[in-house]
Amino acid sequence: MLGRLMKHEWKGMLAPLVIMACLLLGITVFTCTVIINMNTELDEIIENFSTAVSMMTFLLYYAGIVGCVIGITMVIAVRFYKTCYTDQGYLTHTLPVSAKQLLTAKTVTAALSYLIIILLVYISVFVTLSTFIAQAFDEDWDFLLNSFVAVLRDSLGLHNAYPLFIIYWSCCIIVSLICSVIGLMGAISLGQLYTKHRVAGAVIAYLAIRIVRRFFTQVVILLGYQIFDRFTHASWDSTAIHGSEYWRSVIASANFSAQIMLFTIVLISAAIAAGLLFASYNMMTKRLNLE
């Protein structure tokens, strides 16, 4: 039954995903076309016009990306609210499935939809930046990609550990996306406690969750920075080597500190998400009050 639930959820998410994917494709192709056809080696009037068109295009491109991210968030929120807490919820909660299965299906499909949009945004940004750099510096994409990977490896001191680094950060990003989706659903569930102002209650709960998460994130970053700062000063005072070896150790320490901070932030987000998931489950099983 869980498979049928997820299939049904995918059917509901398919149309918004296709629309947003087409929007991203359209603005990417349009922006890259403008970049390729930019020509500043003309007279002053045409040069100013080309610059103005380019700025407007980049603003439109930025608005399109932000709109897609906000759009998928709104689609997930509205769909969860309507199918669980409005009149549509009468049909949803009469299905022969448990609340755990219902939450699992909605969380998995929403997280995958979110991940698809984020990946498409990253691909779009990479293609657009590559086109801009290739047009500005007359380099091909293979050279740009190889240079980017080489700089990333050297600056972070990864070398042979580069694949593990990518896997580690990818797992953290996926877990963060899942926590974000659970947080969104948890805020909507908590908003149902305000029976007369459910939408406003959900918005307030969502903002409160964001503030709490941001507070703990800033605390972790501040502590990590303090530890890294003390380590670098101690290394400088205790060693006579202040050349490339010292800076290589500083970069390695910064990379390690960043990974520890990211892991800690993900753990905090997971803990908050676990509490919100329990809140959603409790609301569906013990305090369900449909409109």
C-alpha atoms as a PDB file:
ATOM      1  CA  MET A   1       0.000   0.000   0.000  1.00  0.00           C
ATOM      2  CA  LEU A   2       2.944   2.325   0.651  1.00  0.00           C
ATOM      3  CA  GLY A   3       3.982   1.929  -2.984  1.00  0.00           C
ATOM      4  CA  ARG A   4       0.508   2.920  -4.177  1.00  0.00           C
ATOM      5  CA  LEU A   5       0.577   5.949  -1.880  1.00  0.00           C
ATOM      6  CA  MET A   6       3.927   7.098  -3.272  1.00  0.00           C
ATOM      7  CA  LYS A   7       2.700   6.516  -6.826  1.00  0.00           C
ATOM      8  CA  HIS A   8      -0.345   8.668  -6.104  1.00  0.00           C
ATOM      9  CA  GLU A   9       1.854  11.385  -4.580  1.00  0.00           C
ATOM     10  CA  TRP A  10       4.128  11.335  -7.619  1.00  0.00           C
ATOM     11  CA  LYS A  11       1.147  11.842  -9.897  1.00  0.00           C
ATOM     12  CA  GLY A  12       0.224  14.936  -7.921  1.00  0.00           C
ATOM     13  CA  MET A  13       3.793  16.304  -7.987  1.00  0.00           C
ATOM     14  CA  LEU A  14       4.543  15.481 -11.624  1.00  0.00           C
ATOM     15  CA  ALA A  15       2.811  18.464 -13.251  1.00  0.00           C
ATOM     16  CA  PRO A  16       4.466  21.120 -11.012  1.00  0.00           C
ATOM     17  CA  LEU A  17       7.869  19.458 -11.505  1.00  0.00           C
ATOM     18  CA  VAL A  18       7.489  19.466 -15.294  1.00  0.00           C
ATOM     19  CA  ILE A  19       6.390  23.112 -15.296  1.00  0.00           C
ATOM     20  CA  MET A  20       9.341  24.201 -13.140  1.00  0.00           C
ATOM     21  CA  ALA A  21      11.799  22.112 -15.154  1.00  0.00           C
ATOM     22  CA  CYS A  22      10.544  23.732 -18.362  1.00  0.00           C
ATOM     23  CA  LEU A  23      10.831  27.155 -16.724  1.00  0.00           C
ATOM     24  CA  LEU A  24      14.426  26.470 -15.683  1.00  0.00           C
ATOM     25  CA  LEU A  25      15.253  25.181 -19.150  1.00  0.00           C
ATOM     26  CA  GLY A  26      13.689  28.227 -20.772  1.00  0.00           C
ATOM     27  CA  ILE A  27      15.444  30.830 -18.636  1.00  0.00           C
ATOM     28  CA  THR A  28      18.752  28.955 -18.926  1.00  0.00           C
ATOM     29  CA  VAL A  29      18.591  28.784 -22.714  1.00  0.00           C
ATOM     30  CA  PHE A  30      17.490  32.423 -22.914  1.00  0.00           C
ATOM     31  CA  THR A  31      20.253  33.629 -20.574  1.00  0.00           C
ATOM     32  CA  CYS A  32      22.956  31.620 -22.361  1.00  0.00           C
ATOM     33  CA  THR A  33      21.725  32.952 -25.716  1.00  0.00           C
ATOM     34  CA  VAL A  34      22.002  36.528 -24.448  1.00  0.00           C
ATOM     35  CA  ILE A  35      25.499  35.831 -23.066  1.00  0.00           C
ATOM     36  CA  ILE A  36      26.692  34.306 -26.340  1.00  0.00           C
ATOM     37  CA  ASN A  37      25.349  37.228 -28.360  1.00  0.00           C
ATOM     38  CA  MET A  38      26.759  39.939 -26.088  1.00  0.00           C
ATOM     39  CA  ASN A  39      29.137  42.221 -27.935  1.00  0.00           C
ATOM     40  CA  THR A  40      30.706  45.191 -26.177  1.00  0.00           C
ATOM     41  CA  GLU A  41      33.120  45.977 -28.998  1.00  0.00           C
ATOM     42  CA  LEU A  42      30.668  48.310 -30.690  1.00  0.00           C
ATOM     43  CA  ASP A  43      29.843  51.981 -30.382  1.00  0.00           C
ATOM     44  CA  GLU A  44      28.868  53.430 -27.016  1.00  0.00           C
ATOM     45  CA  ILE A  45      25.086  53.432 -27.576  1.00  0.00           C
ATOM     46  CA  ILE A  46      24.920  49.758 -28.553  1.00  0.00           C
ATOM     47  CA  GLU A  47      27.367  48.861 -25.778  1.00  0.00           C
ATOM     48  CA  ASN A  48      25.169  50.522 -23.153  1.00  0.00           C
ATOM     49  CA  PHE A  49      22.096  48.825 -24.587  1.00  0.00           C
ATOM     50  CA  SER A  50      23.830  45.439 -24.510  1.00  0.00           C
ATOM     51  CA  THR A  51      24.869  45.986 -20.888  1.00  0.00           C
ATOM     52  CA  ALA A  52      21.326  46.956 -19.875  1.00  0.00           C
ATOM     53  CA  VAL A  53      19.858  43.907 -21.614  1.00  0.00           C
ATOM     54  CA  SER A  54      22.425  41.670 -19.916  1.00  0.00           C
ATOM     55  CA  MET A  55      21.607  43.060 -16.452  1.00  0.00           C
ATOM     56  CA  MET A  56      17.870  42.625 -17.028  1.00  0.00           C
ATOM     57  CA  THR A  57      18.466  39.084 -18.259  1.00  0.00           C
ATOM     58  CA  PHE A  58      20.492  38.146 -15.179  1.00  0.00           C
ATOM     59  CA  LEU A  59      17.823  39.635 -12.913  1.00  0.00           C
ATOM     60  CA  LEU A  60      15.175  37.632 -14.755  1.00  0.00           C
ATOM     61  CA  TYR A  61      17.327  34.519 -14.456  1.00  0.00           C
ATOM     62  CA  TYR A  62      17.786  35.055 -10.711  1.00  0.00           C
ATOM     63  CA  ALA A  63      14.061  35.641 -10.252  1.00  0.00           C
ATOM     64  CA  GLY A  64      13.315  32.438 -12.173  1.00  0.00           C
ATOM     65  CA  ILE A  65      15.618  30.340  -9.982  1.00  0.00           C
ATOM     66  CA  VAL A  66      14.246  31.803  -6.760  1.00  0.00           C
ATOM     67  CA  GLY A  67      10.719  31.371  -8.082  1.00  0.00           C
ATOM     68  CA  CYS A  68      11.311  27.670  -8.789  1.00  0.00           C
ATOM     69  CA  VAL A  69      12.705  27.015  -5.304  1.00  0.00           C
ATOM     70  CA  ILE A  70       9.886  28.924  -3.623  1.00  0.00           C
ATOM     71  CA  GLY A  71       7.377  27.349  -5.998  1.00  0.00           C
ATOM     72  CA  ILE A  72       8.288  23.757  -5.146  1.00  0.00           C
ATOM     73  CA  THR A  73       8.168  24.663  -1.446  1.00  0.00           C
ATOM     74  CA  MET A  74       4.684  26.122  -1.835  1.00  0.00           C
ATOM     75  CA  VAL A  75       3.495  23.119  -3.847  1.00  0.00           C
ATOM     76  CA  ILE A  76       4.707  20.709  -1.141  1.00  0.00           C
ATOM     77  CA  ALA A  77       3.138  22.800   1.632  1.00  0.00           C
ATOM     78  CA  VAL A  78      -0.226  23.326  -0.091  1.00  0.00           C
ATOM     79  CA  ARG A  79      -0.506  19.696  -1.155  1.00  0.00           C
ATOM     80  CA  PHE A  80       0.288  18.424   2.344  1.00  0.00           C
ATOM     81  CA  TYR A  81      -2.172  20.852   3.921  1.00  0.00           C
ATOM     82  CA  LYS A  82      -5.028  20.128   1.527  1.00  0.00           C
ATOM     83  CA  THR A  83      -4.685  16.345   1.498  1.00  0.00           C
ATOM     84  CA  CYS A  84      -4.252  15.997   5.264  1.00  0.00           C
ATOM     85  CA  TYR A  85      -6.094  18.818   7.026  1.00  0.00           C
ATOM     86  CA  THR A  86      -8.880  20.089   4.742  1.00  0.00           C
ATOM     87  CA  ASP A  87     -11.988  18.375   3.354  1.00  0.00           C
ATOM     88  CA  GLN A  88      -9.720  16.239   1.144  1.00  0.00           C
ATOM     89  CA  GLY A  89      -8.319  14.810   4.359  1.00  0.00           C
ATOM     90  CA  TYR A  90     -11.544  12.874   4.926  1.00  0.00           C
ATOM     91  CA  LEU A  91     -10.641  10.682   1.961  1.00  0.00           C
ATOM     92  CA  THR A  92      -6.937  10.548   2.853  1.00  0.00           C
ATOM     93  CA  HIS A  93      -7.475   9.392   6.417  1.00  0.00           C
ATOM     94  CA  THR A  94     -10.050   6.750   5.446  1.00  0.00           C
ATOM     95  CA  LEU A  95      -7.485   4.896   3.329  1.00  0.00           C
ATOM     96  CA  PRO A  96      -6.290   1.549   4.750  1.00  0.00           C
ATOM     97  CA  VAL A  97      -2.876   2.983   5.675  1.00  0.00           C
ATOM     98  CA  SER A  98      -1.323   4.076   8.932  1.00  0.00           C
ATOM     99  CA  ALA A  99      -0.223   7.607   9.750  1.00  0.00           C
ATOM    100  CA  LYS A 100       3.401   6.429   9.564  1.00  0.00           C
ATOM    101  CA  GLN A 101       2.921   5.195   6.017  1.00  0.00           C
ATOM    102  CA  LEU A 102       1.156   8.399   5.038  1.00  0.00           C
ATOM    103  CA  LEU A 103       3.934  10.579   6.465  1.00  0.00           C
ATOM    104  CA  THR A 104       6.606   8.361   4.896  1.00  0.00           C
ATOM    105  CA  ALA A 105       5.066   8.563   1.435  1.00  0.00           C
ATOM    106  CA  LYS A 106       4.616  12.317   1.589  1.00  0.00           C
ATOM    107  CA  THR A 107       8.090  12.931   3.031  1.00  0.00           C
ATOM    108  CA  VAL A 108       9.887  10.749   0.483  1.00  0.00           C
ATOM    109  CA  THR A 109       8.079  12.135  -2.564  1.00  0.00           C
ATOM    110  CA  ALA A 110       8.383  15.732  -1.352  1.00  0.00           C
ATOM    111  CA  ALA A 111      12.098  15.341  -0.563  1.00  0.00           C
ATOM    112  CA  LEU A 112      12.786  13.760  -3.967  1.00  0.00           C
ATOM    113  CA  SER A 113      10.838  16.530  -5.709  1.00  0.00           C
ATOM    114  CA  TYR A 114      12.804  19.131  -3.771  1.00  0.00           C
ATOM    115  CA  LEU A 115      16.070  17.350  -4.633  1.00  0.00           C
ATOM    116  CA  ILE A 116      15.198  17.233  -8.338  1.00  0.00           C
ATOM    117  CA  ILE A 117      14.544  20.982  -8.430  1.00  0.00           C
ATOM    118  CA  ILE A 118      17.749  21.746  -6.494  1.00  0.00           C
ATOM    119  CA  LEU A 119      19.805  19.566  -8.862  1.00  0.00           C
ATOM    120  CA  LEU A 120      18.231  21.262 -11.871  1.00  0.00           C
ATOM    121  CA  VAL A 121      19.038  24.655 -10.357  1.00  0.00           C
ATOM    122  CA  TYR A 122      22.678  23.637  -9.807  1.00  0.00           C
ATOM    123  CA  ILE A 123      22.945  22.337 -13.363  1.00  0.00           C
ATOM    124  CA  SER A 124      21.379  25.528 -14.701  1.00  0.00           C
ATOM    125  CA  VAL A 125      23.761  27.741 -12.699  1.00  0.00           C
ATOM    126  CA  PHE A 126      26.772  25.663 -13.774  1.00  0.00           C
ATOM    127  CA  VAL A 127      25.802  25.826 -17.453  1.00  0.00           C
ATOM    128  CA  THR A 128      25.139  29.572 -17.265  1.00  0.00           C
ATOM    129  CA  LEU A 129      28.385  30.370 -15.452  1.00  0.00           C
ATOM    130  CA  SER A 130      30.357  28.110 -17.781  1.00  0.00           C
ATOM    131  CA  THR A 131      28.857  29.861 -20.792  1.00  0.00           C
ATOM    132  CA  PHE A 132      29.677  33.256 -19.333  1.00  0.00           C
ATOM    133  CA  ILE A 133      33.280  32.310 -18.469  1.00  0.00           C
ATOM    134  CA  ALA A 134      33.797  30.576 -21.812  1.00  0.00           C
ATOM    135  CA  GLN A 135      32.482  33.644 -23.623  1.00  0.00           C
ATOM    136  CA  ALA A 136      34.543  36.059 -21.531  1.00  0.00           C
ATOM    137  CA  PHE A 137      37.859  34.141 -21.533  1.00  0.00           C
ATOM    138  CA  ASP A 138      37.438  32.086 -24.702  1.00  0.00           C
ATOM    139  CA  GLU A 139      37.898  28.706 -23.003  1.00  0.00           C
ATOM    140  CA  ASP A 140      36.045  25.443 -23.597  1.00  0.00           C
ATOM    141  CA  TRP A 141      33.879  23.701 -21.002  1.00  0.00           C
ATOM    142  CA  ASP A 142      36.225  20.726 -20.499  1.00  0.00           C
ATOM    143  CA  PHE A 143      39.069  23.027 -19.546  1.00  0.00           C
ATOM    144  CA  LEU A 144      36.827  24.989 -17.177  1.00  0.00           C
ATOM    145  CA  LEU A 145      35.514  21.847 -15.475  1.00  0.00           C
ATOM    146  CA  ASN A 146      38.983  20.326 -15.069  1.00  0.00           C
ATOM    147  CA  SER A 147      40.322  23.618 -13.719  1.00  0.00           C
ATOM    148  CA  PHE A 148      37.460  23.893 -11.233  1.00  0.00           C
ATOM    149  CA  VAL A 149      38.047  20.348  -9.934  1.00  0.00           C
ATOM    150  CA  ALA A 150      41.804  20.956  -9.684  1.00  0.00           C
ATOM    151  CA  VAL A 151      41.345  24.207  -7.759  1.00  0.00           C
ATOM    152  CA  LEU A 152      38.823  22.541  -5.434  1.00  0.00           C
ATOM    153  CA  ARG A 153      41.199  19.684  -4.695  1.00  0.00           C
ATOM    154  CA  ASP A 154      44.229  21.919  -4.109  1.00  0.00           C
ATOM    155  CA  SER A 155      42.409  24.549  -2.032  1.00  0.00           C
ATOM    156  CA  LEU A 156      40.798  21.983   0.272  1.00  0.00           C
ATOM    157  CA  GLY A 157      43.750  19.638   0.357  1.00  0.00           C
ATOM    158  CA  LEU A 158      41.622  16.697  -0.783  1.00  0.00           C
ATOM    159  CA  HIS A 159      43.613  14.995  -3.546  1.00  0.00           C
ATOM    160  CA  ASN A 160      42.815  11.259  -3.270  1.00  0.00           C
ATOM    161  CA  ALA A 161      39.996  11.904  -0.768  1.00  0.00           C
ATOM    162  CA  TYR A 162      38.025  13.960  -3.295  1.00  0.00           C
ATOM    163  CA  PRO A 163      35.379  11.258  -4.023  1.00  0.00           C
ATOM    164  CA  LEU A 164      34.809  10.711  -0.296  1.00  0.00           C
ATOM    165  CA  PHE A 165      34.443  14.467   0.159  1.00  0.00           C
ATOM    166  CA  ILE A 166      31.766  14.632  -2.551  1.00  0.00           C
ATOM    167  CA  ILE A 167      29.914  11.645  -1.060  1.00  0.00           C
ATOM    168  CA  TYR A 168      30.061  13.169   2.437  1.00  0.00           C
ATOM    169  CA  TRP A 169      28.727  16.561   1.362  1.00  0.00           C
ATOM    170  CA  SER A 170      26.090  14.970  -0.883  1.00  0.00           C
ATOM    171  CA  CYS A 171      24.790  12.883   2.023  1.00  0.00           C
ATOM    172  CA  CYS A 172      24.681  15.967   4.249  1.00  0.00           C
ATOM    173  CA  ILE A 173      22.759  17.913   1.607  1.00  0.00           C
ATOM    174  CA  ILE A 174      20.241  15.094   1.127  1.00  0.00           C
ATOM    175  CA  VAL A 175      19.689  14.764   4.880  1.00  0.00           C
ATOM    176  CA  SER A 176      19.275  18.542   5.131  1.00  0.00           C
ATOM    177  CA  LEU A 177      16.656  18.488   2.364  1.00  0.00           C
ATOM    178  CA  ILE A 178      14.722  15.743   4.127  1.00  0.00           C
ATOM    179  CA  CYS A 179      14.895  17.705   7.391  1.00  0.00           C
ATOM    180  CA  SER A 180      13.641  20.817   5.604  1.00  0.00           C
ATOM    181  CA  VAL A 181      10.656  18.941   4.181  1.00  0.00           C
ATOM    182  CA  ILE A 182       9.833  17.414   7.570  1.00  0.00           C
ATOM    183  CA  GLY A 183      10.160  20.872   9.133  1.00  0.00           C
ATOM    184  CA  LEU A 184       7.724  22.310   6.603  1.00  0.00           C
ATOM    185  CA  MET A 185       5.193  19.558   7.247  1.00  0.00           C
ATOM    186  CA  GLY A 186       5.705  19.857  10.994  1.00  0.00           C
ATOM    187  CA  ALA A 187       5.004  23.592  10.869  1.00  0.00           C
ATOM    188  CA  ILE A 188       1.766  22.949   8.970  1.00  0.00           C
ATOM    189  CA  SER A 189       0.765  20.322  11.533  1.00  0.00           C
ATOM    190  CA  LEU A 190       1.522  22.647  14.451  1.00  0.00           C
ATOM    191  CA  GLY A 191      -0.519  25.345  12.735  1.00  0.00           C
ATOM    192  CA  GLN A 192      -3.611  23.157  13.072  1.00  0.00           C
ATOM    193  CA  LEU A 193      -3.577  23.897  16.803  1.00  0.00           C
ATOM    194  CA  TYR A 194      -4.945  27.325  15.894  1.00  0.00           C
ATOM    195  CA  THR A 195      -8.339  26.153  14.673  1.00  0.00           C
ATOM    196  CA  LYS A 196      -9.512  29.610  13.571  1.00  0.00           C
ATOM    197  CA  HIS A 197      -6.241  30.727  11.961  1.00  0.00           C
ATOM    198  CA  ARG A 198      -4.580  27.563  10.723  1.00  0.00           C
ATOM    199  CA  VAL A 199      -2.612  29.099   7.862  1.00  0.00           C
ATOM    200  CA  ALA A 200      -1.353  31.954  10.024  1.00  0.00           C
ATOM    201  CA  GLY A 201      -0.471  29.463  12.752  1.00  0.00           C
ATOM    202  CA  ALA A 202       1.487  27.360  10.265  1.00  0.00           C
ATOM    203  CA  VAL A 203       3.396  30.420   9.038  1.00  0.00           C
ATOM    204  CA  ILE A 204       4.241  31.470  12.602  1.00  0.00           C
ATOM    205  CA  ALA A 205       5.342  27.925  13.457  1.00  0.00           C
ATOM    206  CA  TYR A 206       7.511  27.757  10.322  1.00  0.00           C
ATOM    207  CA  LEU A 207       9.201  31.077  11.141  1.00  0.00           C
ATOM    208  CA  ALA A 208       9.773  29.944  14.736  1.00  0.00           C
ATOM    209  CA  ILE A 209      11.366  26.703  13.519  1.00  0.00           C
ATOM    210  CA  ARG A 210      13.616  28.648  11.147  1.00  0.00           C
ATOM    211  CA  ILE A 211      14.689  30.995  13.939  1.00  0.00           C
ATOM    212  CA  VAL A 212      15.521  28.126  16.297  1.00  0.00           C
ATOM    213  CA  ARG A 213      17.451  26.297  13.599  1.00  0.00           C
ATOM    214  CA  ARG A 214      19.313  29.450  12.605  1.00  0.00           C
ATOM    215  CA  PHE A 215      20.204  30.150  16.251  1.00  0.00           C
ATOM    216  CA  PHE A 216      21.805  26.736  16.761  1.00  0.00           C
ATOM    217  CA  THR A 217      23.541  26.988  13.387  1.00  0.00           C
ATOM    218  CA  GLN A 218      25.103  30.327  14.315  1.00  0.00           C
ATOM    219  CA  VAL A 219      26.212  28.935  17.687  1.00  0.00           C
ATOM    220  CA  VAL A 220      27.936  25.984  15.981  1.00  0.00           C
ATOM    221  CA  ILE A 221      29.612  28.242  13.418  1.00  0.00           C
ATOM    222  CA  LEU A 222      30.804  30.641  16.133  1.00  0.00           C
ATOM    223  CA  LEU A 223      32.237  27.824  18.237  1.00  0.00           C
ATOM    224  CA  GLY A 224      33.884  26.252  15.206  1.00  0.00           C
ATOM    225  CA  TYR A 225      35.454  29.563  14.227  1.00  0.00           C
ATOM    226  CA  GLN A 226      36.773  30.115  17.749  1.00  0.00           C
ATOM    227  CA  ILE A 227      38.341  26.651  17.864  1.00  0.00           C
ATOM    228  CA  PHE A 228      39.895  27.089  14.424  1.00  0.00           C
ATOM    229  CA  ASP A 229      41.217  30.546  15.354  1.00  0.00           C
ATOM    230  CA  ARG A 230      42.874  29.220  18.499  1.00  0.00           C
ATOM    231  CA  PHE A 231      44.374  26.302  16.591  1.00  0.00           C
ATOM    232  CA  THR A 232      45.927  28.518  13.921  1.00  0.00           C
ATOM    233  CA  HIS A 233      47.421  30.859  16.511  1.00  0.00           C
ATOM    234  CA  ALA A 234      48.779  27.913  18.497  1.00  0.00           C
ATOM    235  CA  SER A 235      50.304  26.399  15.347  1.00  0.00           C
ATOM    236  CA  TRP A 236      51.914  29.709  14.450  1.00  0.00           C
ATOM    237  CA  ASP A 237      53.414  30.113  17.919  1.00  0.00           C
ATOM    238  CA  SER A 238      54.622  26.524  18.291  1.00  0.00           C
ATOM    239  CA  THR A 239      56.302  25.983  14.940  1.00  0.00           C
ATOM    240  CA  ALA A 240      59.111  27.681  13.143  1.00  0.00           C
ATOM    241  CA  ILE A 241      57.695  26.799   9.748  1.00  0.00           C
ATOM    242  CA  HIS A 242      55.593  29.696   8.524  1.00  0.00           C
ATOM    243  CA  GLY A 243      55.731  28.992   4.810  1.00  0.00           C
ATOM    244  CA  SER A 244      53.742  26.744   2.528  1.00  0.00           C
ATOM    245  CA  GLU A 245      53.687  23.876   5.031  1.00  0.00           C
ATOM    246  CA  TYR A 246      52.007  26.063   7.618  1.00  0.00           C
ATOM    247  CA  TRP A 247      49.358  27.302   5.226  1.00  0.00           C
ATOM    248  CA  ARG A 248      48.768  23.770   3.974  1.00  0.00           C
ATOM    249  CA  SER A 249      48.090  22.689   7.553  1.00  0.00           C
ATOM    250  CA  VAL A 250      45.796  25.697   8.032  1.00  0.00           C
ATOM    251  CA  ILE A 251      43.784  24.748   4.924  1.00  0.00           C
ATOM    252  CA  ALA A 252      43.539  21.140   6.087  1.00  0.00           C
ATOM    253  CA  SER A 253      42.381  22.299   9.525  1.00  0.00           C
ATOM    254  CA  ALA A 254      39.810  24.625   7.979  1.00  0.00           C
ATOM    255  CA  ASN A 255      38.487  21.775   5.831  1.00  0.00           C
ATOM    256  CA  PHE A 256      38.247  19.474   8.842  1.00  0.00           C
ATOM    257  CA  SER A 257      36.553  22.168  10.933  1.00  0.00           C
ATOM    258  CA  ALA A 258      34.042  22.861   8.157  1.00  0.00           C
ATOM    259  CA  GLN A 259      33.163  19.169   7.919  1.00  0.00           C
ATOM    260  CA  ILE A 260      32.719  18.885  11.694  1.00  0.00           C
ATOM    261  CA  MET A 261      30.518  22.003  11.751  1.00  0.00           C
ATOM    262  CA  LEU A 262      28.437  20.715   8.851  1.00  0.00           C
ATOM    263  CA  PHE A 263      27.993  17.343  10.543  1.00  0.00           C
ATOM    264  CA  THR A 264      26.957  19.035  13.805  1.00  0.00           C
ATOM    265  CA  ILE A 265      24.477  21.313  12.016  1.00  0.00           C
ATOM    266  CA  VAL A 266      22.968  18.333  10.193  1.00  0.00           C
ATOM    267  CA  LEU A 267      22.636  16.468  13.504  1.00  0.00           C
ATOM    268  CA  ILE A 268      20.838  19.447  15.060  1.00  0.00           C
ATOM    269  CA  SER A 269      18.541  19.705  12.030  1.00  0.00           C
ATOM    270  CA  ALA A 270      17.843  15.972  12.237  1.00  0.00           C
ATOM    271  CA  ALA A 271      16.989  16.256  15.946  1.00  0.00           C
ATOM    272  CA  ILE A 272      14.576  19.140  15.254  1.00  0.00           C
ATOM    273  CA  ALA A 273      13.085  17.228  12.320  1.00  0.00           C
ATOM    274  CA  ALA A 274      12.562  14.142  14.507  1.00  0.00           C
ATOM    275  CA  GLY A 275      10.598  16.243  17.001  1.00  0.00           C
ATOM    276  CA  LEU A 276       8.496  17.783  14.232  1.00  0.00           C
ATOM    277  CA  LEU A 277       7.865  14.390  12.664  1.00  0.00           C
ATOM    278  CA  PHE A 278       6.554  13.184  16.011  1.00  0.00           C
ATOM    279  CA  ALA A 279       4.374  16.314  16.203  1.00  0.00           C
ATOM    280  CA  SER A 280       2.885  15.563  12.760  1.00  0.00           C
ATOM    281  CA  TYR A 281       2.263  11.942  13.722  1.00  0.00           C
ATOM    282  CA  ASN A 282       0.650  12.964  16.989  1.00  0.00           C
ATOM    283  CA  MET A 283      -1.556  15.500  15.210  1.00  0.00           C
ATOM    284  CA  MET A 284      -2.755  12.916  12.670  1.00  0.00           C
ATOM    285  CA  THR A 285      -3.437  10.172  15.200  1.00  0.00           C
ATOM    286  CA  LYS A 286      -4.654  11.949  18.341  1.00  0.00           C
ATOM    287  CA  ARG A 287      -5.574  15.547  17.558  1.00  0.00           C
ATOM    288  CA  LEU A 288      -6.894  15.422  14.010  1.00  0.00           C
ATOM    289  CA  ASN A 289      -9.452  18.179  13.382  1.00  0.00           C
ATOM    290  CA  LEU A 290     -10.294  18.554   9.713  1.00  0.00           C
ATOM    291  CA  GLU A 291     -11.813  21.676   8.236  1.00  0.00           C
END
